[in-house]
Amino acid sequence: MRHLGDHGPQTTRPAADYLGDKTGLYELRPKPHRYLYFYYHRNKVIFLHAFEKDTKTIPEKDIKIAMERKTEMILFGKTSKLEFEEGDNDET
């Protein structure tokens, strides 16, 4: 995650990967785990779902969970003042 914080959207394989325009999701790839996320307002990383990957491709159920949460976050952001301050990443 530190690599993602340091390099942002320029983080590429093997550390991270873009899952495509259809979903707009990215995956952070520390073996054997996967963390699905997206960029909110281009500069805020929102983690949506984490799981242990034991197949060659990401299971559709995990993509579906992340997409549902992404939709909720976008709707929440439109109906409220969703703000993040620098340093809000509590690492406890």
PDB file of N, CA and C in Angstrom:
ATOM      1  N   MET A   1       0.828  -1.194   0.000  1.00  0.00           N
ATOM      2  CA  MET A   1       0.000   0.000   0.000  1.00  0.00           C
ATOM      3  C   MET A   1       0.868   1.251   0.000  1.00  0.00           C
ATOM      4  N   ARG A   2       2.014   1.150   0.614  1.00  0.00           N
ATOM      5  CA  ARG A   2       2.911   2.305   0.616  1.00  0.00           C
ATOM      6  C   ARG A   2       3.320   2.663  -0.814  1.00  0.00           C
ATOM      7  N   HIS A   3       3.580   1.631  -1.636  1.00  0.00           N
ATOM      8  CA  HIS A   3       3.949   1.864  -3.035  1.00  0.00           C
ATOM      9  C   HIS A   3       2.836   2.616  -3.756  1.00  0.00           C
ATOM     10  N   LEU A   4       1.608   2.223  -3.506  1.00  0.00           N
ATOM     11  CA  LEU A   4       0.463   2.899  -4.112  1.00  0.00           C
ATOM     12  C   LEU A   4       0.400   4.345  -3.652  1.00  0.00           C
ATOM     13  N   GLY A   5       0.640   4.577  -2.379  1.00  0.00           N
ATOM     14  CA  GLY A   5       0.640   5.939  -1.857  1.00  0.00           C
ATOM     15  C   GLY A   5       1.731   6.795  -2.458  1.00  0.00           C
ATOM     16  N   ASP A   6       2.878   6.200  -2.705  1.00  0.00           N
ATOM     17  CA  ASP A   6       4.000   6.945  -3.273  1.00  0.00           C
ATOM     18  C   ASP A   6       3.846   7.215  -4.764  1.00  0.00           C
ATOM     19  N   HIS A   7       3.243   6.264  -5.505  1.00  0.00           N
ATOM     20  CA  HIS A   7       3.211   6.358  -6.960  1.00  0.00           C
ATOM     21  C   HIS A   7       1.824   6.579  -7.557  1.00  0.00           C
ATOM     22  N   GLY A   8       0.771   6.419  -6.767  1.00  0.00           N
ATOM     23  CA  GLY A   8      -0.589   6.666  -7.237  1.00  0.00           C
ATOM     24  C   GLY A   8      -0.951   5.866  -8.475  1.00  0.00           C
ATOM     25  N   PRO A   9      -1.672   6.493  -9.416  1.00  0.00           N
ATOM     26  CA  PRO A   9      -2.141   5.784 -10.612  1.00  0.00           C
ATOM     27  C   PRO A   9      -1.021   5.221 -11.492  1.00  0.00           C
ATOM     28  N   GLN A  10       0.202   5.676 -11.280  1.00  0.00           N
ATOM     29  CA  GLN A  10       1.317   5.146 -12.064  1.00  0.00           C
ATOM     30  C   GLN A  10       1.791   3.784 -11.544  1.00  0.00           C
ATOM     31  N   THR A  11       1.208   3.307 -10.460  1.00  0.00           N
ATOM     32  CA  THR A  11       1.555   1.986  -9.933  1.00  0.00           C
ATOM     33  C   THR A  11       1.070   0.936 -10.925  1.00  0.00           C
ATOM     34  N   THR A  12       1.975   0.099 -11.395  1.00  0.00           N
ATOM     35  CA  THR A  12       1.629  -0.905 -12.401  1.00  0.00           C
ATOM     36  C   THR A  12       2.048  -2.290 -11.928  1.00  0.00           C
ATOM     37  N   ARG A  13       1.816  -3.269 -12.788  1.00  0.00           N
ATOM     38  CA  ARG A  13       2.212  -4.643 -12.499  1.00  0.00           C
ATOM     39  C   ARG A  13       3.685  -4.711 -12.171  1.00  0.00           C
ATOM     40  N   PRO A  14       4.069  -5.523 -11.250  1.00  0.00           N
ATOM     41  CA  PRO A  14       3.274  -6.531 -10.557  1.00  0.00           C
ATOM     42  C   PRO A  14       2.569  -6.022  -9.308  1.00  0.00           C
ATOM     43  N   ALA A  15       2.823  -4.776  -8.888  1.00  0.00           N
ATOM     44  CA  ALA A  15       2.233  -4.269  -7.641  1.00  0.00           C
ATOM     45  C   ALA A  15       0.732  -4.041  -7.752  1.00  0.00           C
ATOM     46  N   ALA A  16       0.281  -3.556  -8.897  1.00  0.00           N
ATOM     47  CA  ALA A  16      -1.137  -3.232  -9.084  1.00  0.00           C
ATOM     48  C   ALA A  16      -1.498  -3.420 -10.546  1.00  0.00           C
ATOM     49  N   ASP A  17      -2.795  -3.433 -10.820  1.00  0.00           N
ATOM     50  CA  ASP A  17      -3.252  -3.578 -12.201  1.00  0.00           C
ATOM     51  C   ASP A  17      -4.610  -2.900 -12.352  1.00  0.00           C
ATOM     52  N   TYR A  18      -4.873  -2.405 -13.559  1.00  0.00           N
ATOM     53  CA  TYR A  18      -6.163  -1.804 -13.894  1.00  0.00           C
ATOM     54  C   TYR A  18      -7.042  -2.898 -14.475  1.00  0.00           C
ATOM     55  N   LEU A  19      -8.255  -3.035 -13.974  1.00  0.00           N
ATOM     56  CA  LEU A  19      -9.135  -4.114 -14.418  1.00  0.00           C
ATOM     57  C   LEU A  19      -9.947  -3.758 -15.653  1.00  0.00           C
ATOM     58  N   GLY A  20      -9.870  -2.522 -16.100  1.00  0.00           N
ATOM     59  CA  GLY A  20     -10.530  -2.161 -17.348  1.00  0.00           C
ATOM     60  C   GLY A  20     -11.588  -1.097 -17.200  1.00  0.00           C
ATOM     61  N   ASP A  21     -11.909  -0.486 -18.348  1.00  0.00           N
ATOM     62  CA  ASP A  21     -12.872   0.608 -18.372  1.00  0.00           C
ATOM     63  C   ASP A  21     -14.278   0.169 -17.990  1.00  0.00           C
ATOM     64  N   LYS A  22     -14.599  -1.091 -18.197  1.00  0.00           N
ATOM     65  CA  LYS A  22     -15.942  -1.581 -17.864  1.00  0.00           C
ATOM     66  C   LYS A  22     -16.246  -1.399 -16.381  1.00  0.00           C
ATOM     67  N   THR A  23     -15.251  -1.644 -15.531  1.00  0.00           N
ATOM     68  CA  THR A  23     -15.461  -1.531 -14.088  1.00  0.00           C
ATOM     69  C   THR A  23     -14.860  -0.265 -13.502  1.00  0.00           C
ATOM     70  N   GLY A  24     -13.758   0.203 -14.078  1.00  0.00           N
ATOM     71  CA  GLY A  24     -13.043   1.335 -13.496  1.00  0.00           C
ATOM     72  C   GLY A  24     -12.314   0.966 -12.217  1.00  0.00           C
ATOM     73  N   LEU A  25     -12.156  -0.333 -11.987  1.00  0.00           N
ATOM     74  CA  LEU A  25     -11.508  -0.818 -10.770  1.00  0.00           C
ATOM     75  C   LEU A  25     -10.032  -1.108 -11.002  1.00  0.00           C
ATOM     76  N   TYR A  26      -9.298  -1.034  -9.922  1.00  0.00           N
ATOM     77  CA  TYR A  26      -7.893  -1.424  -9.896  1.00  0.00           C
ATOM     78  C   TYR A  26      -7.746  -2.513  -8.850  1.00  0.00           C
ATOM     79  N   GLU A  27      -6.657  -3.271  -8.948  1.00  0.00           N
ATOM     80  CA  GLU A  27      -6.363  -4.260  -7.914  1.00  0.00           C
ATOM     81  C   GLU A  27      -4.945  -4.056  -7.417  1.00  0.00           C
ATOM     82  N   LEU A  28      -4.811  -4.048  -6.114  1.00  0.00           N
ATOM     83  CA  LEU A  28      -3.507  -4.074  -5.474  1.00  0.00           C
ATOM     84  C   LEU A  28      -3.208  -5.549  -5.253  1.00  0.00           C
ATOM     85  N   ARG A  29      -1.968  -5.993  -5.546  1.00  0.00           N
ATOM     86  CA  ARG A  29      -1.718  -7.414  -5.705  1.00  0.00           C
ATOM     87  C   ARG A  29      -0.664  -8.028  -4.784  1.00  0.00           C
ATOM     88  N   PRO A  30      -0.688  -7.792  -3.486  1.00  0.00           N
ATOM     89  CA  PRO A  30       0.279  -8.504  -2.641  1.00  0.00           C
ATOM     90  C   PRO A  30      -0.163  -9.962  -2.487  1.00  0.00           C
ATOM     91  N   LYS A  31       0.672 -10.884  -2.905  1.00  0.00           N
ATOM     92  CA  LYS A  31       0.275 -12.300  -2.874  1.00  0.00           C
ATOM     93  C   LYS A  31       0.047 -12.757  -1.450  1.00  0.00           C
ATOM     94  N   PRO A  32      -0.945 -13.569  -1.198  1.00  0.00           N
ATOM     95  CA  PRO A  32      -1.971 -14.086  -2.093  1.00  0.00           C
ATOM     96  C   PRO A  32      -3.242 -13.235  -2.089  1.00  0.00           C
ATOM     97  N   HIS A  33      -3.171 -12.040  -1.545  1.00  0.00           N
ATOM     98  CA  HIS A  33      -4.365 -11.211  -1.385  1.00  0.00           C
ATOM     99  C   HIS A  33      -4.577 -10.279  -2.568  1.00  0.00           C
ATOM    100  N   ARG A  34      -5.802  -9.791  -2.666  1.00  0.00           N
ATOM    101  CA  ARG A  34      -6.143  -8.767  -3.644  1.00  0.00           C
ATOM    102  C   ARG A  34      -7.003  -7.725  -2.946  1.00  0.00           C
ATOM    103  N   TYR A  35      -6.744  -6.468  -3.269  1.00  0.00           N
ATOM    104  CA  TYR A  35      -7.516  -5.349  -2.746  1.00  0.00           C
ATOM    105  C   TYR A  35      -8.057  -4.592  -3.948  1.00  0.00           C
ATOM    106  N   LEU A  36      -9.367  -4.542  -4.082  1.00  0.00           N
ATOM    107  CA  LEU A  36      -9.981  -3.834  -5.197  1.00  0.00           C
ATOM    108  C   LEU A  36     -10.304  -2.416  -4.765  1.00  0.00           C
ATOM    109  N   TYR A  37     -10.013  -1.455  -5.643  1.00  0.00           N
ATOM    110  CA  TYR A  37     -10.181  -0.044  -5.304  1.00  0.00           C
ATOM    111  C   TYR A  37     -10.460   0.777  -6.552  1.00  0.00           C
ATOM    112  N   PHE A  38     -10.828   2.032  -6.337  1.00  0.00           N
ATOM    113  CA  PHE A  38     -10.969   2.972  -7.443  1.00  0.00           C
ATOM    114  C   PHE A  38     -10.508   4.337  -6.978  1.00  0.00           C
ATOM    115  N   TYR A  39     -10.327   5.220  -7.944  1.00  0.00           N
ATOM    116  CA  TYR A  39      -9.911   6.586  -7.632  1.00  0.00           C
ATOM    117  C   TYR A  39     -11.146   7.476  -7.599  1.00  0.00           C
ATOM    118  N   TYR A  40     -11.355   8.125  -6.469  1.00  0.00           N
ATOM    119  CA  TYR A  40     -12.475   9.042  -6.275  1.00  0.00           C
ATOM    120  C   TYR A  40     -11.963  10.455  -6.522  1.00  0.00           C
ATOM    121  N   HIS A  41     -12.575  11.151  -7.444  1.00  0.00           N
ATOM    122  CA  HIS A  41     -12.136  12.501  -7.828  1.00  0.00           C
ATOM    123  C   HIS A  41     -10.667  12.506  -8.241  1.00  0.00           C
ATOM    124  N   ARG A  42     -10.246  11.450  -8.884  1.00  0.00           N
ATOM    125  CA  ARG A  42      -8.915  11.299  -9.485  1.00  0.00           C
ATOM    126  C   ARG A  42      -7.739  11.219  -8.526  1.00  0.00           C
ATOM    127  N   ASN A  43      -7.916  11.585  -7.266  1.00  0.00           N
ATOM    128  CA  ASN A  43      -6.742  11.602  -6.392  1.00  0.00           C
ATOM    129  C   ASN A  43      -6.937  10.924  -5.039  1.00  0.00           C
ATOM    130  N   LYS A  44      -8.101  10.374  -4.796  1.00  0.00           N
ATOM    131  CA  LYS A  44      -8.362   9.673  -3.535  1.00  0.00           C
ATOM    132  C   LYS A  44      -8.602   8.200  -3.830  1.00  0.00           C
ATOM    133  N   VAL A  45      -7.869   7.341  -3.156  1.00  0.00           N
ATOM    134  CA  VAL A  45      -8.032   5.903  -3.334  1.00  0.00           C
ATOM    135  C   VAL A  45      -9.091   5.408  -2.360  1.00  0.00           C
ATOM    136  N   ILE A  46     -10.102   4.730  -2.881  1.00  0.00           N
ATOM    137  CA  ILE A  46     -11.159   4.144  -2.058  1.00  0.00           C
ATOM    138  C   ILE A  46     -11.067   2.625  -2.200  1.00  0.00           C
ATOM    139  N   PHE A  47     -10.687   1.956  -1.110  1.00  0.00           N
ATOM    140  CA  PHE A  47     -10.632   0.498  -1.112  1.00  0.00           C
ATOM    141  C   PHE A  47     -12.036  -0.042  -0.896  1.00  0.00           C
ATOM    142  N   LEU A  48     -12.419  -0.989  -1.739  1.00  0.00           N
ATOM    143  CA  LEU A  48     -13.785  -1.492  -1.755  1.00  0.00           C
ATOM    144  C   LEU A  48     -13.928  -2.918  -1.243  1.00  0.00           C
ATOM    145  N   HIS A  49     -12.932  -3.745  -1.507  1.00  0.00           N
ATOM    146  CA  HIS A  49     -13.081  -5.168  -1.195  1.00  0.00           C
ATOM    147  C   HIS A  49     -11.700  -5.817  -1.139  1.00  0.00           C
ATOM    148  N   ALA A  50     -11.526  -6.724  -0.200  1.00  0.00           N
ATOM    149  CA  ALA A  50     -10.282  -7.485  -0.072  1.00  0.00           C
ATOM    150  C   ALA A  50     -10.622  -8.965   0.017  1.00  0.00           C
ATOM    151  N   PHE A  51      -9.772  -9.782  -0.568  1.00  0.00           N
ATOM    152  CA  PHE A  51     -10.001 -11.223  -0.534  1.00  0.00           C
ATOM    153  C   PHE A  51      -8.693 -11.947  -0.820  1.00  0.00           C
ATOM    154  N   GLU A  52      -8.679 -13.230  -0.520  1.00  0.00           N
ATOM    155  CA  GLU A  52      -7.527 -14.064  -0.840  1.00  0.00           C
ATOM    156  C   GLU A  52      -7.772 -14.701  -2.198  1.00  0.00           C
ATOM    157  N   LYS A  53      -6.878 -14.445  -3.126  1.00  0.00           N
ATOM    158  CA  LYS A  53      -7.053 -14.946  -4.488  1.00  0.00           C
ATOM    159  C   LYS A  53      -6.373 -16.299  -4.623  1.00  0.00           C
ATOM    160  N   ASP A  54      -7.156 -17.299  -5.013  1.00  0.00           N
ATOM    161  CA  ASP A  54      -6.598 -18.634  -5.197  1.00  0.00           C
ATOM    162  C   ASP A  54      -6.942 -19.212  -6.570  1.00  0.00           C
ATOM    163  N   THR A  55      -7.365 -18.322  -7.489  1.00  0.00           N
ATOM    164  CA  THR A  55      -7.658 -18.721  -8.858  1.00  0.00           C
ATOM    165  C   THR A  55      -6.877 -17.814  -9.805  1.00  0.00           C
ATOM    166  N   LYS A  56      -6.824 -18.192 -11.073  1.00  0.00           N
ATOM    167  CA  LYS A  56      -6.062 -17.410 -12.051  1.00  0.00           C
ATOM    168  C   LYS A  56      -6.709 -16.049 -12.312  1.00  0.00           C
ATOM    169  N   THR A  57      -8.015 -16.011 -12.344  1.00  0.00           N
ATOM    170  CA  THR A  57      -8.726 -14.752 -12.572  1.00  0.00           C
ATOM    171  C   THR A  57      -9.467 -14.342 -11.302  1.00  0.00           C
ATOM    172  N   ILE A  58      -9.856 -13.094 -11.257  1.00  0.00           N
ATOM    173  CA  ILE A  58     -10.625 -12.611 -10.109  1.00  0.00           C
ATOM    174  C   ILE A  58     -12.045 -13.149 -10.224  1.00  0.00           C
ATOM    175  N   PRO A  59     -12.529 -13.821  -9.200  1.00  0.00           N
ATOM    176  CA  PRO A  59     -13.896 -14.345  -9.254  1.00  0.00           C
ATOM    177  C   PRO A  59     -14.923 -13.228  -9.477  1.00  0.00           C
ATOM    178  N   GLU A  60     -15.903 -13.511 -10.294  1.00  0.00           N
ATOM    179  CA  GLU A  60     -16.939 -12.533 -10.624  1.00  0.00           C
ATOM    180  C   GLU A  60     -17.654 -12.033  -9.375  1.00  0.00           C
ATOM    181  N   LYS A  61     -17.838 -12.904  -8.378  1.00  0.00           N
ATOM    182  CA  LYS A  61     -18.529 -12.484  -7.154  1.00  0.00           C
ATOM    183  C   LYS A  61     -17.762 -11.375  -6.440  1.00  0.00           C
ATOM    184  N   ASP A  62     -16.434 -11.412  -6.500  1.00  0.00           N
ATOM    185  CA  ASP A  62     -15.629 -10.379  -5.853  1.00  0.00           C
ATOM    186  C   ASP A  62     -15.691  -9.062  -6.621  1.00  0.00           C
ATOM    187  N   ILE A  63     -15.725  -9.138  -7.937  1.00  0.00           N
ATOM    188  CA  ILE A  63     -15.890  -7.924  -8.745  1.00  0.00           C
ATOM    189  C   ILE A  63     -17.265  -7.320  -8.482  1.00  0.00           C
ATOM    190  N   LYS A  64     -18.282  -8.172  -8.379  1.00  0.00           N
ATOM    191  CA  LYS A  64     -19.644  -7.691  -8.120  1.00  0.00           C
ATOM    192  C   LYS A  64     -19.722  -6.969  -6.776  1.00  0.00           C
ATOM    193  N   ILE A  65     -19.104  -7.529  -5.747  1.00  0.00           N
ATOM    194  CA  ILE A  65     -19.093  -6.883  -4.426  1.00  0.00           C
ATOM    195  C   ILE A  65     -18.454  -5.507  -4.525  1.00  0.00           C
ATOM    196  N   ALA A  66     -17.300  -5.437  -5.185  1.00  0.00           N
ATOM    197  CA  ALA A  66     -16.598  -4.158  -5.325  1.00  0.00           C
ATOM    198  C   ALA A  66     -17.426  -3.151  -6.116  1.00  0.00           C
ATOM    199  N   MET A  67     -18.074  -3.593  -7.186  1.00  0.00           N
ATOM    200  CA  MET A  67     -18.877  -2.680  -8.007  1.00  0.00           C
ATOM    201  C   MET A  67     -20.083  -2.153  -7.231  1.00  0.00           C
ATOM    202  N   GLU A  68     -20.715  -3.004  -6.443  1.00  0.00           N
ATOM    203  CA  GLU A  68     -21.847  -2.550  -5.630  1.00  0.00           C
ATOM    204  C   GLU A  68     -21.392  -1.499  -4.625  1.00  0.00           C
ATOM    205  N   ARG A  69     -20.258  -1.725  -4.009  1.00  0.00           N
ATOM    206  CA  ARG A  69     -19.727  -0.763  -3.038  1.00  0.00           C
ATOM    207  C   ARG A  69     -19.288   0.529  -3.722  1.00  0.00           C
ATOM    208  N   LYS A  70     -18.738   0.418  -4.911  1.00  0.00           N
ATOM    209  CA  LYS A  70     -18.340   1.613  -5.662  1.00  0.00           C
ATOM    210  C   LYS A  70     -19.571   2.466  -5.971  1.00  0.00           C
ATOM    211  N   THR A  71     -20.632   1.826  -6.420  1.00  0.00           N
ATOM    212  CA  THR A  71     -21.877   2.544  -6.711  1.00  0.00           C
ATOM    213  C   THR A  71     -22.393   3.241  -5.462  1.00  0.00           C
ATOM    214  N   GLU A  72     -22.370   2.546  -4.326  1.00  0.00           N
ATOM    215  CA  GLU A  72     -22.811   3.149  -3.065  1.00  0.00           C
ATOM    216  C   GLU A  72     -21.955   4.358  -2.700  1.00  0.00           C
ATOM    217  N   MET A  73     -20.650   4.239  -2.862  1.00  0.00           N
ATOM    218  CA  MET A  73     -19.744   5.348  -2.530  1.00  0.00           C
ATOM    219  C   MET A  73     -19.998   6.559  -3.419  1.00  0.00           C
ATOM    220  N   ILE A  74     -20.204   6.325  -4.707  1.00  0.00           N
ATOM    221  CA  ILE A  74     -20.458   7.435  -5.627  1.00  0.00           C
ATOM    222  C   ILE A  74     -21.776   8.103  -5.285  1.00  0.00           C
ATOM    223  N   LEU A  75     -22.813   7.316  -5.017  1.00  0.00           N
ATOM    224  CA  LEU A  75     -24.106   7.894  -4.634  1.00  0.00           C
ATOM    225  C   LEU A  75     -23.994   8.639  -3.318  1.00  0.00           C
ATOM    226  N   PHE A  76     -23.281   8.077  -2.351  1.00  0.00           N
ATOM    227  CA  PHE A  76     -23.080   8.733  -1.065  1.00  0.00           C
ATOM    228  C   PHE A  76     -22.358  10.056  -1.261  1.00  0.00           C
ATOM    229  N   GLY A  77     -21.355  10.065  -2.114  1.00  0.00           N
ATOM    230  CA  GLY A  77     -20.596  11.283  -2.382  1.00  0.00           C
ATOM    231  C   GLY A  77     -21.434  12.366  -3.025  1.00  0.00           C
ATOM    232  N   LYS A  78     -22.444  11.977  -3.799  1.00  0.00           N
ATOM    233  CA  LYS A  78     -23.312  12.962  -4.453  1.00  0.00           C
ATOM    234  C   LYS A  78     -24.358  13.525  -3.502  1.00  0.00           C
ATOM    235  N   THR A  79     -24.700  12.765  -2.468  1.00  0.00           N
ATOM    236  CA  THR A  79     -25.757  13.209  -1.560  1.00  0.00           C
ATOM    237  C   THR A  79     -25.223  13.784  -0.261  1.00  0.00           C
ATOM    238  N   SER A  80     -23.923  13.738  -0.079  1.00  0.00           N
ATOM    239  CA  SER A  80     -23.334  14.299   1.130  1.00  0.00           C
ATOM    240  C   SER A  80     -22.010  14.955   0.772  1.00  0.00           C
ATOM    241  N   LYS A  81     -21.458  15.624   1.724  1.00  0.00           N
ATOM    242  CA  LYS A  81     -20.168  16.267   1.497  1.00  0.00           C
ATOM    243  C   LYS A  81     -19.075  15.292   1.929  1.00  0.00           C
ATOM    244  N   LEU A  82     -18.661  14.442   1.004  1.00  0.00           N
ATOM    245  CA  LEU A  82     -17.645  13.440   1.286  1.00  0.00           C
ATOM    246  C   LEU A  82     -16.278  14.081   1.110  1.00  0.00           C
ATOM    247  N   GLU A  83     -15.582  14.247   2.216  1.00  0.00           N
ATOM    248  CA  GLU A  83     -14.272  14.879   2.174  1.00  0.00           C
ATOM    249  C   GLU A  83     -13.259  14.025   2.908  1.00  0.00           C
ATOM    250  N   PHE A  84     -12.039  14.132   2.481  1.00  0.00           N
ATOM    251  CA  PHE A  84     -10.934  13.441   3.124  1.00  0.00           C
ATOM    252  C   PHE A  84      -9.842  14.462   3.360  1.00  0.00           C
ATOM    253  N   GLU A  85      -9.256  14.400   4.522  1.00  0.00           N
ATOM    254  CA  GLU A  85      -8.163  15.311   4.827  1.00  0.00           C
ATOM    255  C   GLU A  85      -6.850  14.569   4.747  1.00  0.00           C
ATOM    256  N   GLU A  86      -5.810  15.285   4.383  1.00  0.00           N
ATOM    257  CA  GLU A  86      -4.469  14.711   4.353  1.00  0.00           C
ATOM    258  C   GLU A  86      -4.153  14.165   5.742  1.00  0.00           C
ATOM    259  N   GLY A  87      -3.664  12.941   5.804  1.00  0.00           N
ATOM    260  CA  GLY A  87      -3.321  12.345   7.084  1.00  0.00           C
ATOM    261  C   GLY A  87      -4.441  11.541   7.710  1.00  0.00           C
ATOM    262  N   ASP A  88      -5.563  11.360   7.007  1.00  0.00           N
ATOM    263  CA  ASP A  88      -6.671  10.580   7.542  1.00  0.00           C
ATOM    264  C   ASP A  88      -6.436   9.077   7.450  1.00  0.00           C
ATOM    265  N   ASN A  89      -5.283   8.668   6.976  1.00  0.00           N
ATOM    266  CA  ASN A  89      -5.021   7.244   6.806  1.00  0.00           C
ATOM    267  C   ASN A  89      -4.433   6.661   8.079  1.00  0.00           C
ATOM    268  N   ASP A  90      -5.271   6.354   9.020  1.00  0.00           N
ATOM    269  CA  ASP A  90      -4.866   5.781  10.306  1.00  0.00           C
ATOM    270  C   ASP A  90      -4.337   4.376  10.072  1.00  0.00           C
ATOM    271  N   GLU A  91      -3.070   4.145  10.362  1.00  0.00           N
ATOM    272  CA  GLU A  91      -2.445   2.858  10.076  1.00  0.00           C
ATOM    273  C   GLU A  91      -2.441   1.935  11.279  1.00  0.00           C
ATOM    274  N   THR A  92      -3.463   1.982  12.104  1.00  0.00           N
ATOM    275  CA  THR A  92      -3.524   1.085  13.257  1.00  0.00           C
ATOM    276  C   THR A  92      -4.248  -0.179  12.906  1.00  0.00           C
TER     277      THR A  92
END
